[in-house]
Structures are given as structure tokens and as C-alpha cells.
Amino acid sequence: MKKFYFLLSILLSTAGAYAQCNIDPSVFAGVTGGAMYPSVAHLPHIVPDSLYDQTVQGQIPDTMNMTIGGIFTVNVTIDSVRLDSINGLPNGINWVKNPNVLPGGGDGCVEFTGTTTDSAGTYRTSAVGMIWVHLFAPLLGINKDTFQYGSLNRMPPFNNFYVVVDSALQPLSATINANHLCFGDT
């Protein structure tokens, strides 16, 4: 029985090693500062009861400025980010990421897959994870490494992310009309 559980754990860990998206380094060649491709406005919509599979390429910035109390600006150097969860996705839509921890200025990807029966609408998401940074604000005497666990939505490419579930698609129809083949409504 112990051999069975050992073999099962090896099989599951091996299968999980291949369940990740592929990073495309050509997407952000020469780009810095955080970006996403395709942009959220150009993501294919999810159709209920249809398999969805979309990979999003992302790049996190290596630096950001934060304002404290509307007065002081703090320069933040991003060491690395780990995405732990994406809340707000339609039921049945899952995600995997690559790499596990993304270095500041680095490229990564998230693949969304699955089938949903949720109703049509816009599903705003929130990214949760760990960020490791260096804070520098000479006027405040701040110069230190720190980390924070929580919402990643203030940082591109995680901010303002959403997916859209459309209503069910109408079946495609084909008709021949005066020697012309027409698809859909004619």
C-alpha cells in the first residue's frame, strides 16, 4: 500500500510539473515598466458551457513610486512578486502561472482554463500574493528591504483586470444565396 501512495504522489507531482503556461519573451522585448498581452480589453470572452483556454503574458515593473498621505513620494524597487490567488473569476475557470516567483522587471504568464455556467457579465478580479521590495524615501529616513502579503492590484499588470462572460453564442448557420456562401445572419 505504501508503494501505491508513493507512486501516486510521483505521478501527481510529475503531472503538475507540466501544468503551466509558456512565457513568450518576444512579447515584451524592449518594454519596461509593467505590461500585459493581450490587454484586458482584447481578451477573448468566455462563453458559458464552452471550454476556455487563454494565456496572458505579463511583465511587472522593476520600480514604482508610491505617495504616502498625499505628500511624500517613496521610490519602491521591486525585488520579486509571487501571485498566490486570483479572486473573482467565474466558477469553473482555473488558472496556472509561470514562474512561481517573478523577479522585478521580469516576464511571466497566467493561463486561464475551464468551463463556466455562470451568468453573462463582467467579472472584476483581484490578485493576491507576496511582494518583496526596497523602499527609499530620504526625506522620511526610509531605506530598507521589506515585504507585504495582500492585494497586488496597485501594480501593473494586475490592476484593473477583468474577464467577460458572454451570453450563450447563437449557432452558426450557413446558407447559399445566389451562388454566394453566407455565414450567420443574412
Protein backbone atom coordinates (compact mmCIF):
# COMPACT_ATOMS: atom_id res chain seq x y z
CA MET A 1 0.00 0.00 0.00
CA LYS A 2 2.89 2.36 0.76
CA LYS A 3 4.27 1.74 -2.74
CA PHE A 4 0.91 2.71 -4.23
CA TYR A 5 0.83 6.06 -2.40
CA PHE A 6 4.46 6.71 -3.27
CA LEU A 7 3.83 6.02 -6.98
CA LEU A 8 0.64 8.10 -6.88
CA SER A 9 2.49 11.08 -5.36
CA ILE A 10 5.24 10.81 -8.01
CA LEU A 11 2.63 10.66 -10.78
CA LEU A 12 0.71 13.67 -9.46
CA SER A 13 3.82 15.77 -8.94
CA THR A 14 5.06 14.92 -12.44
CA ALA A 15 1.69 15.80 -13.98
CA GLY A 16 1.66 19.09 -12.07
CA ALA A 17 5.13 19.96 -13.37
CA TYR A 18 3.73 20.21 -16.89
CA ALA A 19 0.60 22.17 -15.96
CA GLN A 20 1.94 25.64 -16.63
CA CYS A 21 1.82 28.28 -19.32
CA ASN A 22 4.78 29.11 -21.54
CA ILE A 23 6.44 32.52 -21.26
CA ASP A 24 6.94 34.21 -24.63
CA PRO A 25 10.00 36.51 -24.23
CA SER A 26 9.36 38.16 -27.60
CA VAL A 27 6.13 39.79 -26.35
CA PHE A 28 7.89 42.36 -24.17
CA ALA A 29 11.22 42.73 -25.99
CA GLY A 30 12.37 46.31 -25.29
CA VAL A 31 9.41 47.04 -22.98
CA THR A 32 9.84 48.05 -19.34
CA GLY A 33 7.53 49.29 -16.63
CA GLY A 34 4.83 46.61 -16.47
CA ALA A 35 2.52 45.46 -19.21
CA MET A 36 0.08 42.74 -20.23
CA TYR A 37 -0.64 40.97 -23.52
CA PRO A 38 -3.25 40.66 -24.73
CA SER A 39 -4.60 43.72 -22.98
CA VAL A 40 -7.64 43.10 -20.82
CA ALA A 41 -9.82 44.85 -23.43
CA HIS A 42 -8.66 42.34 -26.06
CA LEU A 43 -9.09 39.12 -24.08
CA PRO A 44 -11.45 36.67 -25.76
CA HIS A 45 -14.74 36.49 -23.90
CA ILE A 46 -15.76 33.36 -22.04
CA VAL A 47 -18.80 31.55 -23.46
CA PRO A 48 -20.88 29.52 -20.97
CA ASP A 49 -20.62 25.74 -21.35
CA SER A 50 -17.66 26.13 -23.76
CA LEU A 51 -14.05 25.32 -22.99
CA TYR A 52 -11.97 28.45 -22.38
CA ASP A 53 -8.18 28.48 -22.69
CA GLN A 54 -6.35 31.81 -22.76
CA THR A 55 -2.77 32.63 -21.82
CA VAL A 56 -1.97 36.16 -20.66
CA GLN A 57 1.65 37.31 -20.81
CA GLY A 58 2.61 39.81 -18.13
CA GLN A 59 5.56 41.90 -17.06
CA ILE A 60 5.85 43.51 -13.64
CA PRO A 61 7.71 46.79 -13.26
CA ASP A 62 11.08 46.91 -11.53
CA THR A 63 10.34 50.26 -9.85
CA MET A 64 7.27 52.22 -8.78
CA ASN A 65 6.57 55.44 -6.92
CA MET A 66 4.06 55.49 -4.08
CA THR A 67 2.61 58.56 -2.43
CA ILE A 68 2.16 58.43 1.34
CA GLY A 69 -0.53 60.65 2.79
CA GLY A 70 -0.72 62.61 -0.45
CA ILE A 71 2.51 64.38 0.50
CA PHE A 72 5.58 62.17 0.38
CA THR A 73 6.74 60.11 -2.58
CA VAL A 74 8.53 56.85 -1.87
CA ASN A 75 10.62 55.12 -4.52
CA VAL A 76 9.90 51.38 -4.49
CA THR A 77 12.31 48.94 -6.13
CA ILE A 78 10.54 45.65 -6.74
CA ASP A 79 12.68 42.64 -5.97
CA SER A 80 10.08 39.96 -6.74
CA VAL A 81 6.38 39.07 -6.71
CA ARG A 82 4.54 35.83 -6.06
CA LEU A 83 0.93 35.54 -7.25
CA ASP A 84 -0.98 33.25 -4.85
CA SER A 85 -4.62 33.65 -5.85
CA ILE A 86 -6.93 35.39 -8.29
CA ASN A 87 -10.30 36.14 -6.72
CA GLY A 88 -13.46 36.94 -8.63
CA LEU A 89 -13.11 34.57 -11.58
CA PRO A 90 -16.27 32.87 -12.83
CA ASN A 91 -16.89 29.44 -11.30
CA GLY A 92 -15.13 26.69 -13.25
CA ILE A 93 -12.37 28.97 -14.61
CA ASN A 94 -8.99 27.99 -13.17
CA TRP A 95 -5.52 29.43 -13.58
CA VAL A 96 -1.87 28.41 -13.52
CA LYS A 97 1.19 30.67 -13.51
CA ASN A 98 4.78 30.58 -14.60
CA PRO A 99 7.17 31.22 -12.86
CA ASN A 100 6.25 30.74 -9.22
CA VAL A 101 8.15 33.89 -8.16
CA LEU A 102 8.59 36.64 -10.74
CA PRO A 103 11.64 38.93 -10.42
CA GLY A 104 11.13 42.69 -10.65
CA GLY A 105 11.03 43.69 -14.33
CA GLY A 106 10.55 40.04 -15.26
CA ASP A 107 8.14 38.36 -17.65
CA GLY A 108 5.63 35.70 -16.69
CA CYS A 109 2.33 34.24 -17.76
CA VAL A 110 -1.02 33.11 -16.41
CA GLU A 111 -3.17 30.60 -18.27
CA PHE A 112 -6.92 30.62 -17.67
CA THR A 113 -8.75 27.39 -18.50
CA GLY A 114 -12.07 25.75 -17.80
CA THR A 115 -15.78 25.86 -18.45
CA THR A 116 -18.31 28.01 -16.63
CA THR A 117 -22.06 28.04 -16.33
CA ASP A 118 -22.08 31.44 -14.62
CA SER A 119 -24.31 34.16 -15.98
CA ALA A 120 -23.17 36.74 -18.52
CA GLY A 121 -21.35 39.75 -17.11
CA THR A 122 -18.04 41.39 -16.30
CA TYR A 123 -16.08 39.67 -13.54
CA ARG A 124 -13.58 42.02 -11.90
CA THR A 125 -10.71 40.14 -10.33
CA SER A 126 -8.31 40.82 -7.53
CA ALA A 127 -4.80 39.40 -7.38
CA VAL A 128 -3.40 38.37 -4.01
CA GLY A 129 0.18 37.46 -3.22
CA MET A 130 3.53 38.44 -1.75
CA ILE A 131 5.73 41.31 -2.90
CA TRP A 132 9.33 41.87 -1.82
CA VAL A 133 10.57 45.46 -2.23
CA HIS A 134 13.20 48.01 -1.27
CA LEU A 135 11.76 51.34 -0.03
CA PHE A 136 13.73 54.57 -0.39
CA ALA A 137 12.47 57.95 0.85
CA PRO A 138 15.39 60.14 2.03
CA LEU A 139 13.13 62.89 3.42
CA LEU A 140 11.44 60.33 5.66
CA GLY A 141 14.65 58.50 6.56
CA ILE A 142 13.42 55.30 4.89
CA ASN A 143 15.93 52.98 3.22
CA LYS A 144 15.02 49.35 3.84
CA ASP A 145 14.04 45.98 2.40
CA THR A 146 10.58 44.75 3.30
CA PHE A 147 7.74 42.53 2.11
CA GLN A 148 3.97 42.63 2.14
CA TYR A 149 1.29 39.99 1.66
CA GLY A 150 -2.06 41.08 0.27
CA SER A 151 -3.60 42.72 -2.77
CA LEU A 152 -1.37 43.14 -5.81
CA ASN A 153 -3.95 45.27 -7.65
CA ARG A 154 -1.96 48.52 -7.33
CA MET A 155 0.75 47.13 -9.61
CA PRO A 156 0.63 46.60 -13.36
CA PRO A 157 -0.30 44.16 -14.84
CA PHE A 158 -2.64 43.13 -12.01
CA ASN A 159 -4.61 46.37 -11.74
CA ASN A 160 -7.99 46.74 -13.47
CA PHE A 161 -8.11 43.12 -14.61
CA TYR A 162 -11.42 41.53 -15.55
CA VAL A 163 -12.88 38.78 -17.69
CA VAL A 164 -16.19 38.87 -19.54
CA VAL A 165 -18.68 36.03 -19.76
CA ASP A 166 -20.92 36.43 -22.81
CA SER A 167 -24.38 35.05 -23.14
CA ALA A 168 -24.50 31.74 -24.99
CA LEU A 169 -23.48 32.01 -28.63
CA GLN A 170 -26.05 31.54 -31.33
CA PRO A 171 -25.35 28.54 -33.55
CA LEU A 172 -23.54 29.36 -36.77
CA SER A 173 -25.71 28.87 -39.82
CA ALA A 174 -24.63 28.59 -43.43
CA THR A 175 -26.84 29.30 -46.44
CA ILE A 176 -26.25 29.53 -50.14
CA ASN A 177 -27.75 32.66 -51.67
CA ALA A 178 -27.33 33.22 -55.43
CA ASN A 179 -24.03 31.34 -55.66
CA HIS A 180 -22.64 33.09 -52.55
CA LEU A 181 -21.96 31.23 -49.34
CA CYS A 182 -23.06 33.26 -46.32
CA PHE A 183 -22.36 32.56 -42.66
CA GLY A 184 -24.58 33.75 -39.81
CA ASP A 185 -27.49 36.14 -40.32
CA THR A 186 -28.09 37.07 -43.96
